[in-house]
Protein backbone atom coordinates (compact mmCIF):
# COMPACT_ATOMS: atom_id res chain seq x y z
CA MET A 1 40.84 62.23 56.21
CA HIS A 2 43.91 60.33 54.66
CA CYS A 3 46.27 59.08 57.16
CA THR A 4 50.18 57.97 56.78
CA PHE A 5 52.98 57.48 58.77
CA LYS A 6 56.78 58.49 58.42
CA LYS A 7 59.67 56.82 60.55
CA TYR A 8 62.20 59.70 61.35
CA THR A 9 65.47 59.44 62.90
CA LEU A 10 66.66 62.08 65.37
CA TYR A 11 70.36 62.75 65.98
CA PHE A 12 71.94 63.89 69.10
CA LYS A 13 74.07 66.83 69.11
CA GLN A 14 76.10 65.07 71.79
CA PRO A 15 75.74 61.42 72.88
CA ALA A 16 73.28 61.35 75.95
CA GLY A 17 74.24 59.19 78.57
CA THR A 18 72.23 57.16 81.20
CA SER A 19 72.85 54.20 83.41
CA ARG A 20 71.41 52.02 80.74
CA GLY A 21 74.13 53.18 78.09
CA TRP A 22 74.34 55.73 75.43
CA LEU A 23 72.22 57.54 72.99
CA ARG A 24 73.41 58.94 69.78
CA ASP A 25 70.29 58.55 67.71
CA LYS A 26 66.49 57.80 68.27
CA ASP A 27 64.05 56.49 65.62
CA THR A 28 60.24 57.86 66.24
CA TYR A 29 57.25 57.73 63.96
CA ILE A 30 55.06 60.56 62.92
CA LEU A 31 51.40 60.17 62.12
CA ILE A 32 50.45 62.50 59.18
CA ALA A 33 46.78 63.13 58.37
CA ASP A 34 45.43 65.13 55.78
CA VAL A 35 42.00 66.77 56.37
CA ASN A 36 40.74 68.51 53.05
CA GLY A 37 44.20 69.80 52.38
CA ARG A 38 45.31 70.73 55.84
CA LYS A 39 47.56 68.40 57.99
CA ALA A 40 47.69 67.19 61.68
CA TYR A 41 50.42 65.19 63.06
CA GLY A 42 50.76 62.79 65.99
CA GLU A 43 53.86 61.09 67.15
CA CYS A 44 54.17 57.51 68.32
CA ASN A 45 57.55 57.80 70.13
CA LEU A 46 59.07 54.21 70.18
CA PHE A 47 61.51 53.97 72.65
CA LYS A 48 63.78 50.91 72.04
CA GLY A 49 64.66 48.94 75.09
CA LEU A 50 62.07 50.92 77.26
CA SER A 51 58.55 50.94 75.40
CA ALA A 52 56.18 48.23 76.43
CA ASP A 53 55.30 47.85 72.81
CA ASP A 54 58.95 47.72 71.32
CA ARG A 55 58.44 44.25 69.52
CA ASP A 56 57.82 42.69 66.46
CA GLY A 57 54.89 44.11 64.43
CA TYR A 58 55.28 47.78 65.22
CA GLU A 59 55.30 49.33 61.52
CA ASP A 60 52.55 46.51 60.69
CA LYS A 61 50.36 47.92 63.51
CA LEU A 62 51.08 51.31 62.47
CA LYS A 63 49.57 50.44 58.87
CA GLU A 64 46.46 48.93 60.43
CA VAL A 65 45.84 52.29 62.34
CA CYS A 66 46.60 54.33 59.39
CA GLU A 67 44.01 52.02 57.55
CA ARG A 68 41.52 52.17 60.53
CA LEU A 69 41.71 55.82 61.78
CA PRO A 70 39.60 57.52 58.96
CA LEU A 71 36.53 55.30 59.95
CA GLU A 72 36.98 54.74 63.49
CA GLY A 73 38.38 57.80 64.58
CA GLU A 74 38.68 57.99 68.64
CA LYS A 75 37.11 54.66 68.73
CA ILE A 76 40.33 52.88 67.61
CA LEU A 77 42.06 53.87 71.17
CA SER A 78 40.31 51.09 73.16
CA SER A 79 42.18 48.73 71.05
CA LEU A 80 45.51 50.13 71.46
CA GLN A 81 46.13 49.58 75.33
CA ASP A 82 48.88 47.28 74.52
CA TRP A 83 50.45 49.76 71.72
CA PRO A 84 51.01 52.74 74.31
CA SER A 85 53.24 54.66 72.19
CA ILE A 86 50.83 54.47 69.29
CA ALA A 87 48.00 55.33 71.36
CA PHE A 88 49.76 58.58 72.64
CA GLY A 89 50.36 59.56 68.76
CA VAL A 90 46.70 58.61 67.77
CA GLU A 91 45.44 60.37 70.63
CA MET A 92 47.50 63.65 69.86
CA LEU A 93 46.67 63.28 66.16
CA LEU A 94 42.92 63.13 66.56
CA LEU A 95 43.16 66.38 69.28
CA ASP A 96 45.07 68.23 66.63
CA VAL A 97 42.30 67.47 63.74
CA LYS A 98 39.54 68.32 66.40
CA ASN A 99 41.25 71.69 67.00
CA GLY A 100 41.68 72.59 63.31
CA CYS A 101 45.09 71.05 62.20
CA LYS A 102 47.16 73.67 63.67
CA GLN A 103 49.33 71.62 66.43
CA ILE A 104 46.97 72.99 69.06
CA ILE A 105 46.28 69.82 71.40
CA PHE A 106 44.62 71.71 74.27
CA PRO A 107 43.66 75.21 73.44
CA GLU A 108 42.46 76.07 76.95
CA VAL A 109 45.99 76.41 78.05
CA PHE A 110 46.76 79.33 75.85
CA SER A 111 46.30 82.86 77.21
CA ASP A 112 47.31 85.73 74.92
CA ASN A 113 48.40 83.03 72.26
CA THR A 114 50.95 81.84 74.62
CA PHE A 115 51.61 79.68 77.71
CA THR A 116 54.94 78.55 79.84
CA VAL A 117 55.80 75.41 81.78
CA PRO A 118 58.56 75.70 84.23
CA THR A 119 61.22 73.12 83.54
CA ASN A 120 64.29 71.69 85.17
CA GLY A 121 67.77 71.79 83.86
CA LEU A 122 68.86 68.44 83.23
CA ILE A 123 72.41 67.04 83.52
CA TRP A 124 73.08 63.94 81.33
CA MET A 125 75.62 61.43 82.31
CA GLY A 126 79.23 61.88 81.37
CA ASP A 127 82.69 61.92 83.25
CA ARG A 128 83.01 64.06 86.26
CA ALA A 129 84.59 66.81 84.18
CA GLN A 130 81.69 66.93 81.89
CA MET A 131 78.88 66.66 84.45
CA MET A 132 80.65 69.40 86.49
CA LYS A 133 80.94 71.43 83.22
CA ARG A 134 77.18 71.25 82.40
CA VAL A 135 76.31 71.99 86.17
CA ASP A 136 78.12 75.16 85.87
CA GLU A 137 76.39 75.97 82.75
CA LYS A 138 72.93 75.38 84.07
CA LEU A 139 73.66 77.49 87.54
CA GLY A 140 75.08 80.17 85.33
CA LYS A 141 72.03 80.32 83.36
CA GLY A 142 70.23 80.49 86.51
CA TYR A 143 68.11 77.27 86.87
CA LYS A 144 66.28 76.91 90.23
CA CYS A 145 65.87 73.12 89.73
CA ILE A 146 68.42 70.78 88.33
CA LYS A 147 68.12 67.15 87.85
CA LEU A 148 70.73 64.60 87.50
CA LYS A 149 71.13 61.37 85.82
CA ILE A 150 73.01 59.03 88.25
CA GLY A 151 74.39 55.50 88.56
CA GLY A 152 76.75 55.59 85.67
CA ILE A 153 80.14 56.46 87.05
CA ASN A 154 81.71 55.91 90.30
CA PHE A 155 79.18 56.63 93.24
CA GLU A 156 81.54 58.71 95.00
CA GLU A 157 82.35 60.91 92.20
CA GLU A 158 78.78 61.62 91.65
CA VAL A 159 78.44 62.44 95.33
CA GLY A 160 81.40 64.84 94.79
CA ILE A 161 79.41 66.53 91.94
CA LEU A 162 76.69 67.00 94.55
CA ALA A 163 78.79 68.46 97.03
CA TYR A 164 80.02 70.75 94.31
CA ILE A 165 76.41 71.83 93.56
CA ARG A 166 75.75 72.67 97.20
CA SER A 167 78.88 74.77 97.66
CA LYS A 168 77.27 76.94 94.70
CA ALA A 169 73.83 76.84 95.76
CA ASP A 170 71.94 75.79 98.90
CA GLY A 171 68.62 74.05 99.21
CA LYS A 172 66.69 77.40 99.32
CA LYS A 173 68.22 78.47 95.92
CA VAL A 174 68.39 75.35 93.92
CA ASN A 175 66.03 72.27 93.82
CA LEU A 176 68.06 68.92 93.33
CA ARG A 177 66.44 65.99 91.79
CA LEU A 178 68.30 62.57 90.88
CA ASP A 179 67.37 59.87 88.34
CA ALA A 180 68.68 56.45 88.90
CA ASN A 181 67.09 54.74 86.13
CA GLY A 182 67.13 51.50 88.31
CA ALA A 183 70.89 51.39 88.75
CA PHE A 184 71.11 50.80 92.36
CA ALA A 185 70.92 46.88 93.65
CA PRO A 186 68.09 46.58 95.96
CA GLY A 187 70.22 45.53 99.01
CA LYS A 188 72.79 48.43 98.47
CA ALA A 189 70.12 51.12 97.54
CA LEU A 190 68.81 52.25 100.96
CA LYS A 191 72.41 52.77 102.02
CA LYS A 192 73.33 54.86 98.98
CA ILE A 193 69.82 56.87 99.19
CA GLU A 194 70.70 57.69 102.82
CA ALA A 195 74.26 59.00 101.99
CA LEU A 196 72.63 61.22 99.21
CA ALA A 197 70.04 62.55 101.46
CA ALA A 198 72.91 65.01 103.09
CA PHE A 199 72.66 67.13 100.08
CA GLY A 200 68.67 67.86 100.20
CA ILE A 201 67.46 66.02 97.32
CA GLN A 202 63.74 66.72 96.35
CA HIS A 203 63.42 63.16 94.91
CA ILE A 204 64.95 60.22 93.40
CA GLU A 205 63.36 58.40 90.43
CA GLN A 206 63.55 54.80 90.13
CA PRO A 207 66.41 53.87 92.21
CA ILE A 208 66.06 50.00 91.67
CA LYS A 209 64.90 48.19 88.36
CA ALA A 210 61.08 48.12 87.78
CA GLY A 211 59.11 44.92 88.78
CA GLN A 212 60.63 44.67 92.28
CA TRP A 213 57.61 45.79 93.88
CA ASN A 214 57.90 44.71 97.50
CA ALA A 215 61.49 45.81 97.32
CA MET A 216 60.70 49.24 95.96
CA ALA A 217 57.76 49.50 98.80
CA GLU A 218 60.54 48.87 101.58
CA LEU A 219 62.65 51.91 99.89
CA VAL A 220 59.45 54.31 99.88
CA ARG A 221 58.93 53.31 103.41
CA TYR A 222 62.45 53.67 104.51
CA SER A 223 63.86 56.15 102.38
CA PRO A 224 64.69 59.67 103.87
CA ILE A 225 64.43 61.17 100.32
CA PRO A 226 61.20 60.77 98.51
CA ILE A 227 61.02 57.83 95.90
CA ALA A 228 59.67 58.75 92.66
CA LEU A 229 58.25 56.08 90.21
CA ASP A 230 59.17 56.19 86.56
CA GLU A 231 60.10 52.91 84.86
CA GLU A 232 57.83 51.09 87.38
CA LEU A 233 54.70 52.58 85.64
CA ILE A 234 55.55 51.22 81.96
CA GLY A 235 53.49 48.51 80.94
CA VAL A 236 51.01 48.44 83.73
CA HIS A 237 47.80 49.01 81.46
CA SER A 238 44.31 48.24 83.28
CA LEU A 239 43.15 50.39 86.21
CA GLU A 240 43.14 47.53 88.52
CA GLU A 241 46.50 46.66 88.19
CA LYS A 242 47.61 50.30 88.52
CA ARG A 243 45.42 50.48 92.08
CA ARG A 244 47.34 47.51 92.90
CA LEU A 245 50.69 48.89 92.11
CA MET A 246 49.84 52.14 94.27
CA ALA A 247 48.52 50.03 96.86
CA THR A 248 51.55 47.95 97.08
CA ILE A 249 54.12 50.49 96.70
CA ALA A 250 52.56 53.47 98.07
CA PRO A 251 54.53 56.39 96.59
CA LYS A 252 54.03 59.92 96.71
CA VAL A 253 55.73 61.02 93.48
CA LEU A 254 55.14 59.63 89.98
CA ILE A 255 56.90 60.47 86.74
CA LEU A 256 54.39 60.60 84.12
CA LYS A 257 55.78 59.94 80.28
CA PRO A 258 52.71 59.79 78.08
CA ALA A 259 54.31 58.42 75.20
CA LEU A 260 55.18 55.36 77.60
CA LEU A 261 52.26 55.18 79.69
CA GLY A 262 49.66 55.18 76.63
CA GLY A 263 49.03 59.03 76.34
CA PHE A 264 47.06 61.51 78.17
CA ALA A 265 44.16 59.92 79.75
CA ALA A 266 46.34 57.12 80.82
CA CYS A 267 48.24 59.57 82.67
CA ASP A 268 45.03 60.96 83.74
CA LYS A 269 44.24 57.73 85.56
CA TRP A 270 47.81 57.75 87.54
CA ARG A 271 47.10 61.31 88.71
CA MET A 272 43.64 60.04 89.63
CA LEU A 273 44.99 57.39 91.86
CA LEU A 274 47.64 59.76 93.48
CA LYS A 275 45.02 62.60 94.11
CA ASP A 276 43.99 61.80 97.64
CA VAL A 277 47.71 60.86 98.83
CA PRO A 278 49.04 63.63 101.11
CA ASP A 279 52.09 65.69 100.04
CA SER A 280 52.02 63.76 96.57
CA TYR A 281 52.62 65.39 93.08
CA CYS A 282 53.48 64.26 89.59
CA ILE A 283 56.04 65.49 87.42
CA VAL A 284 55.00 65.03 83.60
CA THR A 285 58.44 64.64 81.57
CA SER A 286 59.37 64.19 78.01
CA ALA A 287 60.62 60.64 76.79
CA LEU A 288 63.27 62.08 74.11
CA GLU A 289 60.12 62.78 71.55
CA SER A 290 60.52 65.19 68.65
CA ASN A 291 59.04 68.72 68.98
CA ILE A 292 55.96 67.16 67.59
CA GLY A 293 55.43 65.12 70.63
CA LEU A 294 56.87 67.50 73.17
CA ASN A 295 54.41 70.13 72.03
CA ALA A 296 51.32 67.95 72.65
CA ILE A 297 53.18 67.01 76.01
CA ALA A 298 53.88 70.62 77.26
CA GLN A 299 50.22 71.56 76.17
CA TYR A 300 48.82 68.84 78.54
CA THR A 301 51.33 69.75 81.13
CA ALA A 302 50.08 73.47 81.26
CA LYS A 303 46.60 72.27 81.71
CA SER A 304 47.39 71.48 85.45
CA ASN A 305 49.20 74.83 85.94
CA PRO A 306 52.22 73.36 87.64
CA LYS A 307 53.90 75.02 90.19
CA GLU A 308 57.01 72.35 90.27
CA ALA A 309 59.36 72.11 87.79
CA GLN A 310 58.66 69.66 84.82
CA GLY A 311 60.83 67.50 82.65
CA LEU A 312 60.22 69.17 79.32
CA GLY A 313 63.77 70.24 78.17
CA THR A 314 64.67 67.96 75.71
CA GLY A 315 63.83 69.76 72.61
CA GLN A 316 67.20 71.12 72.20
CA LEU A 317 69.12 67.68 72.30
CA TYR A 318 68.93 67.02 68.47
CA THR A 319 70.65 68.33 65.33
CA ASN A 320 67.54 67.95 63.05
CA ASN A 321 64.37 68.60 65.54
CA ILE A 322 61.33 69.76 63.65
CA PRO A 323 61.68 73.16 64.15
CA ALA A 324 58.90 74.49 66.66
CA PRO A 325 57.34 77.80 68.22
CA TYR A 326 59.12 77.09 71.64
CA ASP A 327 61.85 78.87 73.33
CA LEU A 328 63.73 77.42 76.52
CA ASP A 329 65.25 79.13 79.14
CA ALA A 330 66.00 78.75 83.02
CA THR A 331 62.44 80.25 83.75
CA GLY A 332 60.68 77.53 81.71
CA LEU A 333 59.57 76.25 78.39
CA HIS A 334 57.71 79.04 76.53
CA PHE A 335 55.53 79.00 73.34
CA ASN A 336 56.40 81.80 71.36
CA PRO A 337 53.76 82.75 68.79
CA SER A 338 56.05 84.72 66.64
CA LYS A 339 57.56 81.54 65.58
CA ASN A 340 56.42 78.94 63.28
CA TRP A 341 56.22 75.25 62.67
CA ASP A 342 58.32 74.08 59.69
CA PHE A 343 57.57 70.42 58.81
CA THR A 344 59.77 70.35 55.51
CA LEU A 345 62.19 67.81 57.30
CA LEU A 346 59.22 65.15 57.06
CA THR A 347 58.66 65.74 53.45
């Protein structure tokens, strides 16, 4: 096996807004292994400003990994705890090699050569008119679960958008989820969440910034909307620290982003810690990967046969994504065996 990597820049069709700012392009790194003329791929999805391994020396670490992989194989993963996005790519690459270099990461999820993962419709931030238009588009397509990014425009305008959605579809027809990306101040978060609760919200992700465990624990305890931890999980590597976070905050909802948490085995540890919590659930979500990473995440997600909508609808955001055998509609993300991969953009 010979291993290399390639930096690849993805370009958004239109700027994507969150409470942290606007995204117009995004760099990622693709590991490529040549195994007797067949190629396997893994995506090291470095997310600037968010990944725990966003630091100097990233490309040097990738060069080291490419040199070590042919000799060490999966043994290398134990040395990548502090490089979660690289661990994600390496784990994916090795599973692709194991399964014949066909971009089949978890073969057990395929039935009649296909699978489907239910997926929410994501409404990115914009001004009120833009967000209303996007809401109408999702409702018009028949989405039964809509997730809104909030915290970037006036709170009253966001409340107005929620009221508009509920005027079109009640809670029996459409589930609503919110993602604040840490936009609320701890002292004001509960009051805002109480105002949002009137719209029948399934859960709200990361209302305050990560790292404020006691403040988050208070919100989890008193919030009328279930609190989902997202950024809170990033950088929490050891099982002991994971257990301490869970004991302190006691959440019932976890947002699992394999690229930010260190891969699929790392996500499994979070699942294990939530397993015995009543009325709890996990939502697996992409972190703006290319279709290479999204493919692996979709297969991982399908393993648990989820009934809740997952956060895997990001593959159509880019002008230059790697063409992949997937279709996306209101019923979910579908593997389409009549379509083929096309990796020419990486050459």
